[in-house]
ModelCIF file with pLDDT and N, C-alpha, C, O atoms, coordinates in Angstrom:
data_MODEL
#
_entry.id   MODEL 
#
_entity.id                         1 
_entity.type                       polymer 
_entity.pdbx_number_of_molecules   1 
#
_entity_poly.entity_id                      1 
_entity_poly.type                           'polypeptide(L)' 
_entity_poly.nstd_linkage                   no 
_entity_poly.nstd_monomer                   no 
_entity_poly.pdbx_seq_one_letter_code       VVFYYYNGSPTAVTSTATISAQAWSHIAMTKT 
_entity_poly.pdbx_seq_one_letter_code_can   VVFYYYNGSPTAVTSTATISAQAWSHIAMTKT 
_entity_poly.pdbx_strand_id                 A 
#
loop_
_entity_poly_seq.entity_id 
_entity_poly_seq.num 
_entity_poly_seq.mon_id 
_entity_poly_seq.hetero 
1 1  VAL n 
1 2  VAL n 
1 3  PHE n 
1 4  TYR n 
1 5  TYR n 
1 6  TYR n 
1 7  ASN n 
1 8  GLY n 
1 9  SER n 
1 10 PRO n 
1 11 THR n 
1 12 ALA n 
1 13 VAL n 
1 14 THR n 
1 15 SER n 
1 16 THR n 
1 17 ALA n 
1 18 THR n 
1 19 ILE n 
1 20 SER n 
1 21 ALA n 
1 22 GLN n 
1 23 ALA n 
1 24 TRP n 
1 25 SER n 
1 26 HIS n 
1 27 ILE n 
1 28 ALA n 
1 29 MET n 
1 30 THR n 
1 31 LYS n 
1 32 THR n 
#
_struct_asym.id          A 
_struct_asym.entity_id   1 
#
loop_
_ma_qa_metric.id 
_ma_qa_metric.mode 
_ma_qa_metric.name 
_ma_qa_metric.software_group_id 
_ma_qa_metric.type 
1 global pLDDT . pLDDT 
2 local  pLDDT . pLDDT 
#
_ma_qa_metric_global.metric_id      1 
_ma_qa_metric_global.metric_value   90.50 
_ma_qa_metric_global.model_id       1 
_ma_qa_metric_global.ordinal_id     1 
#
loop_
_ma_qa_metric_local.label_asym_id 
_ma_qa_metric_local.label_comp_id 
_ma_qa_metric_local.label_seq_id 
_ma_qa_metric_local.metric_id 
_ma_qa_metric_local.metric_value 
_ma_qa_metric_local.model_id 
_ma_qa_metric_local.ordinal_id 
A VAL 1  2 92.00 1 1  
A VAL 2  2 93.00 1 2  
A PHE 3  2 92.00 1 3  
A TYR 4  2 91.00 1 4  
A TYR 5  2 92.00 1 5  
A TYR 6  2 89.00 1 6  
A ASN 7  2 90.00 1 7  
A GLY 8  2 90.00 1 8  
A SER 9  2 91.00 1 9  
A PRO 10 2 89.00 1 10 
A THR 11 2 92.00 1 11 
A ALA 12 2 93.00 1 12 
A VAL 13 2 95.00 1 13 
A THR 14 2 95.00 1 14 
A SER 15 2 96.00 1 15 
A THR 16 2 96.00 1 16 
A ALA 17 2 96.00 1 17 
A THR 18 2 91.00 1 18 
A ILE 19 2 88.00 1 19 
A SER 20 2 84.00 1 20 
A ALA 21 2 78.00 1 21 
A GLN 22 2 78.00 1 22 
A ALA 23 2 83.00 1 23 
A TRP 24 2 87.00 1 24 
A SER 25 2 89.00 1 25 
A HIS 26 2 92.00 1 26 
A ILE 27 2 92.00 1 27 
A ALA 28 2 94.00 1 28 
A MET 29 2 93.00 1 29 
A THR 30 2 94.00 1 30 
A LYS 31 2 91.00 1 31 
A THR 32 2 90.00 1 32 
#
loop_
_atom_site.group_PDB 
_atom_site.id 
_atom_site.type_symbol 
_atom_site.label_atom_id 
_atom_site.label_alt_id 
_atom_site.label_comp_id 
_atom_site.label_asym_id 
_atom_site.label_entity_id 
_atom_site.label_seq_id 
_atom_site.pdbx_PDB_ins_code 
_atom_site.Cartn_x 
_atom_site.Cartn_y 
_atom_site.Cartn_z 
_atom_site.occupancy 
_atom_site.B_iso_or_equiv 
_atom_site.pdbx_formal_charge 
_atom_site.auth_seq_id 
_atom_site.auth_comp_id 
_atom_site.auth_asym_id 
_atom_site.auth_atom_id 
_atom_site.pdbx_PDB_model_num 
ATOM 1   N N  . VAL A 1 1  ? -0.176 16.429 -31.242 1.00 92.00 ? 1  VAL A N  1 
ATOM 2   C CA . VAL A 1 1  ? 0.630  17.662 -30.790 1.00 92.00 ? 1  VAL A CA 1 
ATOM 3   C C  . VAL A 1 1  ? -0.357 17.324 -29.694 1.00 92.00 ? 1  VAL A C  1 
ATOM 4   O O  . VAL A 1 1  ? -1.388 16.669 -29.852 1.00 92.00 ? 1  VAL A O  1 
ATOM 5   N N  . VAL A 1 2  ? 0.138  17.915 -28.426 1.00 93.00 ? 2  VAL A N  1 
ATOM 6   C CA . VAL A 1 2  ? -0.512 18.116 -27.005 1.00 93.00 ? 2  VAL A CA 1 
ATOM 7   C C  . VAL A 1 2  ? 0.504  19.277 -27.195 1.00 93.00 ? 2  VAL A C  1 
ATOM 8   O O  . VAL A 1 2  ? 1.578  19.465 -27.767 1.00 93.00 ? 2  VAL A O  1 
ATOM 9   N N  . PHE A 1 3  ? -0.842 20.314 -26.025 1.00 92.00 ? 3  PHE A N  1 
ATOM 10  C CA . PHE A 1 3  ? -0.085 21.049 -25.164 1.00 92.00 ? 3  PHE A CA 1 
ATOM 11  C C  . PHE A 1 3  ? -0.781 20.741 -23.512 1.00 92.00 ? 3  PHE A C  1 
ATOM 12  O O  . PHE A 1 3  ? -1.992 20.534 -23.424 1.00 92.00 ? 3  PHE A O  1 
ATOM 13  N N  . TYR A 1 4  ? -0.130 20.738 -22.589 1.00 91.00 ? 4  TYR A N  1 
ATOM 14  C CA . TYR A 1 4  ? -0.802 20.321 -21.019 1.00 91.00 ? 4  TYR A CA 1 
ATOM 15  C C  . TYR A 1 4  ? -0.468 21.485 -19.953 1.00 91.00 ? 4  TYR A C  1 
ATOM 16  O O  . TYR A 1 4  ? 0.563  22.151 -19.856 1.00 91.00 ? 4  TYR A O  1 
ATOM 17  N N  . TYR A 1 5  ? -0.944 21.503 -19.643 1.00 92.00 ? 5  TYR A N  1 
ATOM 18  C CA . TYR A 1 5  ? -0.656 22.279 -18.605 1.00 92.00 ? 5  TYR A CA 1 
ATOM 19  C C  . TYR A 1 5  ? -1.520 22.801 -17.099 1.00 92.00 ? 5  TYR A C  1 
ATOM 20  O O  . TYR A 1 5  ? -2.679 22.462 -17.341 1.00 92.00 ? 5  TYR A O  1 
ATOM 21  N N  . TYR A 1 6  ? -1.513 23.242 -16.141 1.00 89.00 ? 6  TYR A N  1 
ATOM 22  C CA . TYR A 1 6  ? -1.706 23.116 -14.802 1.00 89.00 ? 6  TYR A CA 1 
ATOM 23  C C  . TYR A 1 6  ? -2.426 24.030 -14.246 1.00 89.00 ? 6  TYR A C  1 
ATOM 24  O O  . TYR A 1 6  ? -1.841 25.033 -13.836 1.00 89.00 ? 6  TYR A O  1 
ATOM 25  N N  . ASN A 1 7  ? -3.674 23.935 -14.111 1.00 90.00 ? 7  ASN A N  1 
ATOM 26  C CA . ASN A 1 7  ? -4.550 25.419 -13.353 1.00 90.00 ? 7  ASN A CA 1 
ATOM 27  C C  . ASN A 1 7  ? -4.989 24.606 -12.377 1.00 90.00 ? 7  ASN A C  1 
ATOM 28  O O  . ASN A 1 7  ? -6.194 24.493 -12.602 1.00 90.00 ? 7  ASN A O  1 
ATOM 29  N N  . GLY A 1 8  ? -4.740 24.028 -11.506 1.00 90.00 ? 8  GLY A N  1 
ATOM 30  C CA . GLY A 1 8  ? -5.017 23.380 -10.266 1.00 90.00 ? 8  GLY A CA 1 
ATOM 31  C C  . GLY A 1 8  ? -5.002 21.888 -10.544 1.00 90.00 ? 8  GLY A C  1 
ATOM 32  O O  . GLY A 1 8  ? -4.376 21.164 -9.770  1.00 90.00 ? 8  GLY A O  1 
ATOM 33  N N  . SER A 1 9  ? -5.752 21.276 -11.768 1.00 91.00 ? 9  SER A N  1 
ATOM 34  C CA . SER A 1 9  ? -6.249 20.115 -12.087 1.00 91.00 ? 9  SER A CA 1 
ATOM 35  C C  . SER A 1 9  ? -5.380 20.099 -13.616 1.00 91.00 ? 9  SER A C  1 
ATOM 36  O O  . SER A 1 9  ? -5.390 21.100 -14.332 1.00 91.00 ? 9  SER A O  1 
ATOM 37  N N  . PRO A 1 10 ? -4.661 18.878 -13.994 1.00 89.00 ? 10 PRO A N  1 
ATOM 38  C CA . PRO A 1 10 ? -4.059 18.313 -15.307 1.00 89.00 ? 10 PRO A CA 1 
ATOM 39  C C  . PRO A 1 10 ? -4.619 18.813 -16.362 1.00 89.00 ? 10 PRO A C  1 
ATOM 40  O O  . PRO A 1 10 ? -5.395 17.927 -16.721 1.00 89.00 ? 10 PRO A O  1 
ATOM 41  N N  . THR A 1 11 ? -4.725 19.835 -17.208 1.00 92.00 ? 11 THR A N  1 
ATOM 42  C CA . THR A 1 11 ? -5.454 19.540 -18.531 1.00 92.00 ? 11 THR A CA 1 
ATOM 43  C C  . THR A 1 11 ? -5.004 20.119 -19.827 1.00 92.00 ? 11 THR A C  1 
ATOM 44  O O  . THR A 1 11 ? -4.563 21.259 -19.970 1.00 92.00 ? 11 THR A O  1 
ATOM 45  N N  . ALA A 1 12 ? -5.241 18.736 -21.264 1.00 93.00 ? 12 ALA A N  1 
ATOM 46  C CA . ALA A 1 12 ? -4.336 19.395 -21.943 1.00 93.00 ? 12 ALA A CA 1 
ATOM 47  C C  . ALA A 1 12 ? -5.558 19.392 -22.865 1.00 93.00 ? 12 ALA A C  1 
ATOM 48  O O  . ALA A 1 12 ? -6.747 19.089 -22.767 1.00 93.00 ? 12 ALA A O  1 
ATOM 49  N N  . VAL A 1 13 ? -4.325 20.100 -24.265 1.00 95.00 ? 13 VAL A N  1 
ATOM 50  C CA . VAL A 1 13 ? -5.538 20.445 -25.719 1.00 95.00 ? 13 VAL A CA 1 
ATOM 51  C C  . VAL A 1 13 ? -4.379 19.684 -26.145 1.00 95.00 ? 13 VAL A C  1 
ATOM 52  O O  . VAL A 1 13 ? -3.245 19.787 -25.677 1.00 95.00 ? 13 VAL A O  1 
ATOM 53  N N  . THR A 1 14 ? -4.879 18.671 -27.359 1.00 95.00 ? 14 THR A N  1 
ATOM 54  C CA . THR A 1 14 ? -4.730 18.080 -27.652 1.00 95.00 ? 14 THR A CA 1 
ATOM 55  C C  . THR A 1 14 ? -4.982 17.923 -29.381 1.00 95.00 ? 14 THR A C  1 
ATOM 56  O O  . THR A 1 14 ? -6.210 17.960 -29.451 1.00 95.00 ? 14 THR A O  1 
ATOM 57  N N  . SER A 1 15 ? -4.376 17.744 -31.026 1.00 96.00 ? 15 SER A N  1 
ATOM 58  C CA . SER A 1 15 ? -4.283 17.574 -31.777 1.00 96.00 ? 15 SER A CA 1 
ATOM 59  C C  . SER A 1 15 ? -5.400 16.657 -32.692 1.00 96.00 ? 15 SER A C  1 
ATOM 60  O O  . SER A 1 15 ? -5.293 15.454 -32.451 1.00 96.00 ? 15 SER A O  1 
ATOM 61  N N  . THR A 1 16 ? -6.259 16.938 -33.511 1.00 96.00 ? 16 THR A N  1 
ATOM 62  C CA . THR A 1 16 ? -6.411 16.098 -34.061 1.00 96.00 ? 16 THR A CA 1 
ATOM 63  C C  . THR A 1 16 ? -5.735 15.664 -35.301 1.00 96.00 ? 16 THR A C  1 
ATOM 64  O O  . THR A 1 16 ? -6.055 14.529 -35.656 1.00 96.00 ? 16 THR A O  1 
ATOM 65  N N  . ALA A 1 17 ? -4.813 16.330 -36.110 1.00 96.00 ? 17 ALA A N  1 
ATOM 66  C CA . ALA A 1 17 ? -3.843 16.241 -37.085 1.00 96.00 ? 17 ALA A CA 1 
ATOM 67  C C  . ALA A 1 17 ? -2.855 15.156 -36.253 1.00 96.00 ? 17 ALA A C  1 
ATOM 68  O O  . ALA A 1 17 ? -3.160 14.866 -35.096 1.00 96.00 ? 17 ALA A O  1 
ATOM 69  N N  . THR A 1 18 ? -2.095 14.781 -36.653 1.00 91.00 ? 18 THR A N  1 
ATOM 70  C CA . THR A 1 18 ? -1.085 13.833 -36.067 1.00 91.00 ? 18 THR A CA 1 
ATOM 71  C C  . THR A 1 18 ? 0.041  14.094 -36.987 1.00 91.00 ? 18 THR A C  1 
ATOM 72  O O  . THR A 1 18 ? -0.243 14.672 -38.036 1.00 91.00 ? 18 THR A O  1 
ATOM 73  N N  . ILE A 1 19 ? 1.349  13.745 -36.757 1.00 88.00 ? 19 ILE A N  1 
ATOM 74  C CA . ILE A 1 19 ? 2.600  14.115 -37.453 1.00 88.00 ? 19 ILE A CA 1 
ATOM 75  C C  . ILE A 1 19 ? 3.275  12.211 -37.930 1.00 88.00 ? 19 ILE A C  1 
ATOM 76  O O  . ILE A 1 19 ? 3.317  11.163 -37.285 1.00 88.00 ? 19 ILE A O  1 
ATOM 77  N N  . SER A 1 20 ? 3.640  12.550 -39.183 1.00 84.00 ? 20 SER A N  1 
ATOM 78  C CA . SER A 1 20 ? 4.359  10.912 -39.272 1.00 84.00 ? 20 SER A CA 1 
ATOM 79  C C  . SER A 1 20 ? 6.074  10.983 -38.913 1.00 84.00 ? 20 SER A C  1 
ATOM 80  O O  . SER A 1 20 ? 6.882  11.910 -38.967 1.00 84.00 ? 20 SER A O  1 
ATOM 81  N N  . ALA A 1 21 ? 6.184  9.624  -38.548 1.00 78.00 ? 21 ALA A N  1 
ATOM 82  C CA . ALA A 1 21 ? 7.049  8.636  -38.265 1.00 78.00 ? 21 ALA A CA 1 
ATOM 83  C C  . ALA A 1 21 ? 8.413  9.040  -39.172 1.00 78.00 ? 21 ALA A C  1 
ATOM 84  O O  . ALA A 1 21 ? 7.967  9.409  -40.259 1.00 78.00 ? 21 ALA A O  1 
ATOM 85  N N  . GLN A 1 22 ? 9.528  9.107  -39.187 1.00 78.00 ? 22 GLN A N  1 
ATOM 86  C CA . GLN A 1 22 ? 10.329 9.180  -39.579 1.00 78.00 ? 22 GLN A CA 1 
ATOM 87  C C  . GLN A 1 22 ? 10.550 10.190 -41.308 1.00 78.00 ? 22 GLN A C  1 
ATOM 88  O O  . GLN A 1 22 ? 10.812 9.943  -42.486 1.00 78.00 ? 22 GLN A O  1 
ATOM 89  N N  . ALA A 1 23 ? 10.152 11.686 -40.199 1.00 83.00 ? 23 ALA A N  1 
ATOM 90  C CA . ALA A 1 23 ? 9.821  12.790 -41.148 1.00 83.00 ? 23 ALA A CA 1 
ATOM 91  C C  . ALA A 1 23 ? 10.295 14.412 -40.021 1.00 83.00 ? 23 ALA A C  1 
ATOM 92  O O  . ALA A 1 23 ? 9.981  14.767 -38.885 1.00 83.00 ? 23 ALA A O  1 
ATOM 93  N N  . TRP A 1 24 ? 11.150 14.983 -41.089 1.00 87.00 ? 24 TRP A N  1 
ATOM 94  C CA . TRP A 1 24 ? 10.538 16.242 -39.636 1.00 87.00 ? 24 TRP A CA 1 
ATOM 95  C C  . TRP A 1 24 ? 9.212  16.572 -40.128 1.00 87.00 ? 24 TRP A C  1 
ATOM 96  O O  . TRP A 1 24 ? 8.516  16.327 -41.113 1.00 87.00 ? 24 TRP A O  1 
ATOM 97  N N  . SER A 1 25 ? 9.140  17.287 -38.943 1.00 89.00 ? 25 SER A N  1 
ATOM 98  C CA . SER A 1 25 ? 7.301  17.823 -38.878 1.00 89.00 ? 25 SER A CA 1 
ATOM 99  C C  . SER A 1 25 ? 7.623  19.074 -37.961 1.00 89.00 ? 25 SER A C  1 
ATOM 100 O O  . SER A 1 25 ? 8.692  19.088 -37.351 1.00 89.00 ? 25 SER A O  1 
ATOM 101 N N  . HIS A 1 26 ? 6.530  20.361 -37.822 1.00 92.00 ? 26 HIS A N  1 
ATOM 102 C CA . HIS A 1 26 ? 7.479  21.558 -37.641 1.00 92.00 ? 26 HIS A CA 1 
ATOM 103 C C  . HIS A 1 26 ? 5.042  21.459 -36.859 1.00 92.00 ? 26 HIS A C  1 
ATOM 104 O O  . HIS A 1 26 ? 3.918  21.236 -37.310 1.00 92.00 ? 26 HIS A O  1 
ATOM 105 N N  . ILE A 1 27 ? 5.948  21.926 -35.175 1.00 92.00 ? 27 ILE A N  1 
ATOM 106 C CA . ILE A 1 27 ? 4.420  21.457 -34.866 1.00 92.00 ? 27 ILE A CA 1 
ATOM 107 C C  . ILE A 1 27 ? 4.460  23.043 -33.828 1.00 92.00 ? 27 ILE A C  1 
ATOM 108 O O  . ILE A 1 27 ? 5.632  23.292 -33.548 1.00 92.00 ? 27 ILE A O  1 
ATOM 109 N N  . ALA A 1 28 ? 3.579  23.989 -33.300 1.00 94.00 ? 28 ALA A N  1 
ATOM 110 C CA . ALA A 1 28 ? 3.512  24.858 -32.915 1.00 94.00 ? 28 ALA A CA 1 
ATOM 111 C C  . ALA A 1 28 ? 2.001  25.078 -31.688 1.00 94.00 ? 28 ALA A C  1 
ATOM 112 O O  . ALA A 1 28 ? 1.008  24.394 -31.442 1.00 94.00 ? 28 ALA A O  1 
ATOM 113 N N  . MET A 1 29 ? 2.509  26.319 -31.208 1.00 93.00 ? 29 MET A N  1 
ATOM 114 C CA . MET A 1 29 ? 0.888  26.568 -29.595 1.00 93.00 ? 29 MET A CA 1 
ATOM 115 C C  . MET A 1 29 ? 1.592  27.325 -30.311 1.00 93.00 ? 29 MET A C  1 
ATOM 116 O O  . MET A 1 29 ? 2.571  27.280 -31.056 1.00 93.00 ? 29 MET A O  1 
ATOM 117 N N  . THR A 1 30 ? 0.248  28.615 -29.570 1.00 94.00 ? 30 THR A N  1 
ATOM 118 C CA . THR A 1 30 ? -0.327 29.651 -29.521 1.00 94.00 ? 30 THR A CA 1 
ATOM 119 C C  . THR A 1 30 ? -1.438 29.701 -28.642 1.00 94.00 ? 30 THR A C  1 
ATOM 120 O O  . THR A 1 30 ? -2.461 29.068 -28.903 1.00 94.00 ? 30 THR A O  1 
ATOM 121 N N  . LYS A 1 31 ? -1.287 30.640 -27.270 1.00 91.00 ? 31 LYS A N  1 
ATOM 122 C CA . LYS A 1 31 ? -1.909 30.966 -26.320 1.00 91.00 ? 31 LYS A CA 1 
ATOM 123 C C  . LYS A 1 31 ? -2.427 32.663 -27.144 1.00 91.00 ? 31 LYS A C  1 
ATOM 124 O O  . LYS A 1 31 ? -1.823 33.269 -28.029 1.00 91.00 ? 31 LYS A O  1 
ATOM 125 N N  . THR A 1 32 ? -3.623 33.013 -26.498 1.00 90.00 ? 32 THR A N  1 
ATOM 126 C CA . THR A 1 32 ? -4.233 34.027 -27.083 1.00 90.00 ? 32 THR A CA 1 
ATOM 127 C C  . THR A 1 32 ? -5.612 34.966 -25.920 1.00 90.00 ? 32 THR A C  1 
ATOM 128 O O  . THR A 1 32 ? -6.243 35.927 -26.363 1.00 90.00 ? 32 THR A O  1 
#
């Protein structure tokens, strides 16, 4: 799961965990 944002240059936050194929997955992100 990736949250990408632009702050003048490309920046990405990437999860260690992965979602499974052929299955529903819940994904979320928060910013504080």
